[in-house]
Amino acid sequence: MREIVPGLDKLAILYDATYPASAREADNVQTSARQLGLTVVPLGVQSADDIAPAFGSFKGQVGAIYLVENALIDRNRTLLIALAL
């Protein structure tokens, strides 16, 4: 991530909290990011309605967002791109 975003110090991780594999991946990414000295903001969502408020909670506070891929994230890709922009 730091190669893509030089100076990165804070990373948001957005994942589907209702899907155990997504939660495990988020935990693994969080552990790795912290080992690299990054501050991590993990945000579990449970539905599409949770995505915009989750983005609003870290807007302007993080340098990058890691999306844990699954069906919920895939179905809302257009929304996620719009919010990220």
N, C-alpha and C. Protein backbone atom coordinates (compact mmCIF):
# COMPACT_ATOMS: atom_id res chain seq x y z
N MET A 1 0.82 -1.20 0.00
CA MET A 1 0.00 0.00 0.00
C MET A 1 0.86 1.26 0.00
N ARG A 2 1.90 1.24 0.77
CA ARG A 2 2.73 2.46 0.84
C ARG A 2 3.40 2.77 -0.49
N GLU A 3 3.62 1.76 -1.33
CA GLU A 3 4.18 2.02 -2.65
C GLU A 3 3.17 2.75 -3.51
N ILE A 4 1.90 2.47 -3.33
CA ILE A 4 0.84 3.10 -4.09
C ILE A 4 0.50 4.47 -3.50
N VAL A 5 0.52 4.55 -2.18
CA VAL A 5 0.18 5.80 -1.48
C VAL A 5 1.36 6.18 -0.57
N PRO A 6 2.33 6.89 -1.12
CA PRO A 6 3.48 7.30 -0.31
C PRO A 6 3.02 8.15 0.89
N GLY A 7 3.65 7.91 2.01
CA GLY A 7 3.29 8.67 3.21
C GLY A 7 2.05 8.16 3.92
N LEU A 8 1.52 7.04 3.47
CA LEU A 8 0.32 6.48 4.09
C LEU A 8 0.58 6.21 5.56
N ASP A 9 -0.31 6.70 6.41
CA ASP A 9 -0.17 6.42 7.84
C ASP A 9 -1.46 5.91 8.47
N LYS A 10 -2.58 6.06 7.75
CA LYS A 10 -3.86 5.62 8.30
C LYS A 10 -4.68 4.93 7.22
N LEU A 11 -5.12 3.72 7.51
CA LEU A 11 -5.82 2.86 6.57
C LEU A 11 -7.19 2.48 7.10
N ALA A 12 -8.23 2.65 6.28
CA ALA A 12 -9.56 2.15 6.63
C ALA A 12 -9.72 0.78 5.99
N ILE A 13 -10.37 -0.12 6.71
CA ILE A 13 -10.69 -1.46 6.19
C ILE A 13 -12.20 -1.60 6.25
N LEU A 14 -12.83 -1.72 5.09
CA LEU A 14 -14.29 -1.86 5.02
C LEU A 14 -14.61 -3.30 4.67
N TYR A 15 -15.45 -3.93 5.48
CA TYR A 15 -15.76 -5.34 5.27
C TYR A 15 -17.18 -5.65 5.69
N ASP A 16 -17.69 -6.77 5.18
CA ASP A 16 -19.03 -7.25 5.52
C ASP A 16 -18.95 -8.00 6.84
N ALA A 17 -19.47 -7.38 7.88
CA ALA A 17 -19.39 -7.96 9.22
C ALA A 17 -20.27 -9.20 9.40
N THR A 18 -21.18 -9.44 8.46
CA THR A 18 -22.05 -10.61 8.58
C THR A 18 -21.44 -11.86 7.96
N TYR A 19 -20.30 -11.70 7.32
CA TYR A 19 -19.66 -12.81 6.61
C TYR A 19 -18.34 -13.15 7.31
N PRO A 20 -18.27 -14.30 7.97
CA PRO A 20 -17.09 -14.64 8.77
C PRO A 20 -15.76 -14.59 8.01
N ALA A 21 -15.73 -15.00 6.76
CA ALA A 21 -14.48 -14.97 6.00
C ALA A 21 -14.01 -13.53 5.80
N SER A 22 -14.94 -12.61 5.61
CA SER A 22 -14.58 -11.19 5.45
C SER A 22 -14.01 -10.64 6.74
N ALA A 23 -14.61 -11.01 7.86
CA ALA A 23 -14.11 -10.55 9.16
C ALA A 23 -12.70 -11.07 9.42
N ARG A 24 -12.45 -12.33 9.04
CA ARG A 24 -11.10 -12.91 9.21
C ARG A 24 -10.08 -12.18 8.34
N GLU A 25 -10.46 -11.91 7.09
CA GLU A 25 -9.53 -11.18 6.22
C GLU A 25 -9.26 -9.78 6.77
N ALA A 26 -10.30 -9.12 7.25
CA ALA A 26 -10.12 -7.78 7.83
C ALA A 26 -9.17 -7.84 9.02
N ASP A 27 -9.31 -8.86 9.84
CA ASP A 27 -8.40 -9.02 10.99
C ASP A 27 -6.96 -9.23 10.52
N ASN A 28 -6.77 -10.06 9.49
CA ASN A 28 -5.43 -10.32 8.97
C ASN A 28 -4.80 -9.05 8.39
N VAL A 29 -5.59 -8.29 7.63
CA VAL A 29 -5.08 -7.05 7.05
C VAL A 29 -4.74 -6.07 8.15
N GLN A 30 -5.62 -6.00 9.16
CA GLN A 30 -5.39 -5.09 10.28
C GLN A 30 -4.08 -5.44 11.00
N THR A 31 -3.85 -6.70 11.25
CA THR A 31 -2.62 -7.14 11.91
C THR A 31 -1.39 -6.77 11.09
N SER A 32 -1.44 -7.04 9.79
CA SER A 32 -0.32 -6.71 8.91
C SER A 32 -0.08 -5.22 8.83
N ALA A 33 -1.14 -4.45 8.72
CA ALA A 33 -1.01 -2.99 8.61
C ALA A 33 -0.40 -2.41 9.88
N ARG A 34 -0.83 -2.90 11.02
CA ARG A 34 -0.26 -2.41 12.29
C ARG A 34 1.21 -2.76 12.42
N GLN A 35 1.60 -3.93 11.92
CA GLN A 35 3.01 -4.31 11.94
C GLN A 35 3.85 -3.37 11.08
N LEU A 36 3.21 -2.75 10.10
CA LEU A 36 3.90 -1.78 9.24
C LEU A 36 3.83 -0.37 9.81
N GLY A 37 3.23 -0.24 10.98
CA GLY A 37 3.15 1.06 11.63
C GLY A 37 1.97 1.91 11.21
N LEU A 38 1.00 1.30 10.55
CA LEU A 38 -0.18 2.05 10.13
C LEU A 38 -1.23 2.07 11.24
N THR A 39 -1.92 3.18 11.33
CA THR A 39 -3.11 3.25 12.16
C THR A 39 -4.25 2.68 11.32
N VAL A 40 -5.08 1.86 11.92
CA VAL A 40 -6.14 1.17 11.18
C VAL A 40 -7.50 1.55 11.72
N VAL A 41 -8.43 1.79 10.79
CA VAL A 41 -9.83 2.06 11.13
C VAL A 41 -10.65 0.94 10.51
N PRO A 42 -10.97 -0.12 11.30
CA PRO A 42 -11.79 -1.20 10.76
C PRO A 42 -13.28 -0.83 10.83
N LEU A 43 -13.97 -1.03 9.72
CA LEU A 43 -15.39 -0.71 9.68
C LEU A 43 -16.18 -1.86 9.07
N GLY A 44 -16.91 -2.54 9.92
CA GLY A 44 -17.76 -3.62 9.46
C GLY A 44 -19.14 -3.09 9.11
N VAL A 45 -19.63 -3.46 7.94
CA VAL A 45 -20.99 -3.08 7.52
C VAL A 45 -21.83 -4.35 7.44
N GLN A 46 -23.14 -4.17 7.57
CA GLN A 46 -24.02 -5.32 7.52
C GLN A 46 -24.97 -5.28 6.33
N SER A 47 -25.09 -4.11 5.71
CA SER A 47 -25.97 -3.98 4.54
C SER A 47 -25.50 -2.80 3.71
N ALA A 48 -26.09 -2.66 2.52
CA ALA A 48 -25.76 -1.55 1.64
C ALA A 48 -26.06 -0.21 2.32
N ASP A 49 -27.07 -0.18 3.17
CA ASP A 49 -27.43 1.06 3.87
C ASP A 49 -26.35 1.53 4.83
N ASP A 50 -25.46 0.65 5.23
CA ASP A 50 -24.39 1.00 6.17
C ASP A 50 -23.15 1.59 5.48
N ILE A 51 -23.06 1.44 4.16
CA ILE A 51 -21.84 1.82 3.46
C ILE A 51 -21.58 3.32 3.48
N ALA A 52 -22.55 4.13 3.09
CA ALA A 52 -22.35 5.59 3.05
C ALA A 52 -22.02 6.15 4.44
N PRO A 53 -22.75 5.77 5.49
CA PRO A 53 -22.37 6.27 6.82
C PRO A 53 -20.96 5.83 7.24
N ALA A 54 -20.56 4.61 6.86
CA ALA A 54 -19.21 4.15 7.19
C ALA A 54 -18.18 5.04 6.52
N PHE A 55 -18.38 5.35 5.24
CA PHE A 55 -17.46 6.24 4.54
C PHE A 55 -17.44 7.61 5.21
N GLY A 56 -18.59 8.09 5.59
CA GLY A 56 -18.66 9.40 6.24
C GLY A 56 -17.89 9.45 7.55
N SER A 57 -17.79 8.31 8.22
CA SER A 57 -17.11 8.29 9.52
C SER A 57 -15.60 8.45 9.40
N PHE A 58 -15.03 8.15 8.22
CA PHE A 58 -13.57 8.30 8.08
C PHE A 58 -13.18 9.26 6.96
N LYS A 59 -14.14 9.94 6.37
CA LYS A 59 -13.85 10.87 5.27
C LYS A 59 -12.81 11.91 5.70
N GLY A 60 -11.78 12.03 4.89
CA GLY A 60 -10.73 13.01 5.15
C GLY A 60 -9.77 12.62 6.27
N GLN A 61 -9.95 11.43 6.83
CA GLN A 61 -9.12 11.02 7.96
C GLN A 61 -8.16 9.87 7.63
N VAL A 62 -8.35 9.23 6.47
CA VAL A 62 -7.50 8.10 6.10
C VAL A 62 -6.87 8.35 4.74
N GLY A 63 -5.74 7.70 4.51
CA GLY A 63 -5.04 7.87 3.24
C GLY A 63 -5.40 6.83 2.21
N ALA A 64 -6.02 5.72 2.65
CA ALA A 64 -6.39 4.64 1.74
C ALA A 64 -7.50 3.81 2.37
N ILE A 65 -8.20 3.09 1.51
CA ILE A 65 -9.28 2.21 1.97
C ILE A 65 -9.05 0.83 1.38
N TYR A 66 -9.04 -0.17 2.24
CA TYR A 66 -8.94 -1.55 1.82
C TYR A 66 -10.34 -2.14 1.87
N LEU A 67 -10.83 -2.62 0.73
CA LEU A 67 -12.14 -3.24 0.67
C LEU A 67 -11.98 -4.75 0.70
N VAL A 68 -12.59 -5.39 1.66
CA VAL A 68 -12.57 -6.85 1.71
C VAL A 68 -13.68 -7.34 0.79
N GLU A 69 -13.27 -8.01 -0.26
CA GLU A 69 -14.17 -8.42 -1.33
C GLU A 69 -15.14 -9.51 -0.89
N ASN A 70 -16.41 -9.31 -1.18
CA ASN A 70 -17.44 -10.35 -1.06
C ASN A 70 -18.67 -9.86 -1.82
N ALA A 71 -19.77 -10.58 -1.73
CA ALA A 71 -20.97 -10.25 -2.52
C ALA A 71 -21.51 -8.86 -2.19
N LEU A 72 -21.56 -8.49 -0.91
CA LEU A 72 -22.09 -7.18 -0.52
C LEU A 72 -21.24 -6.06 -1.13
N ILE A 73 -19.95 -6.20 -1.04
CA ILE A 73 -19.04 -5.19 -1.59
C ILE A 73 -19.16 -5.16 -3.12
N ASP A 74 -19.21 -6.33 -3.74
CA ASP A 74 -19.34 -6.40 -5.21
C ASP A 74 -20.62 -5.73 -5.71
N ARG A 75 -21.73 -6.02 -5.06
CA ARG A 75 -23.02 -5.45 -5.49
C ARG A 75 -23.06 -3.94 -5.36
N ASN A 76 -22.21 -3.39 -4.51
CA ASN A 76 -22.22 -1.95 -4.25
C ASN A 76 -20.97 -1.25 -4.76
N ARG A 77 -20.33 -1.84 -5.74
CA ARG A 77 -19.08 -1.31 -6.28
C ARG A 77 -19.25 0.12 -6.81
N THR A 78 -20.34 0.39 -7.53
CA THR A 78 -20.56 1.73 -8.08
C THR A 78 -20.69 2.75 -6.96
N LEU A 79 -21.43 2.42 -5.93
CA LEU A 79 -21.57 3.31 -4.77
C LEU A 79 -20.23 3.54 -4.10
N LEU A 80 -19.47 2.48 -3.92
CA LEU A 80 -18.16 2.59 -3.27
C LEU A 80 -17.22 3.50 -4.06
N ILE A 81 -17.23 3.36 -5.37
CA ILE A 81 -16.37 4.20 -6.21
C ILE A 81 -16.80 5.65 -6.09
N ALA A 82 -18.08 5.90 -6.15
CA ALA A 82 -18.60 7.27 -6.05
C ALA A 82 -18.22 7.88 -4.70
N LEU A 83 -18.37 7.13 -3.63
CA LEU A 83 -18.02 7.65 -2.30
C LEU A 83 -16.52 7.90 -2.17
N ALA A 84 -15.73 7.03 -2.76
CA ALA A 84 -14.28 7.19 -2.68
C ALA A 84 -13.80 8.42 -3.43
N LEU A 85 -14.47 8.73 -4.52
CA LEU A 85 -14.08 9.90 -5.31
C LEU A 85 -14.46 11.16 -4.57
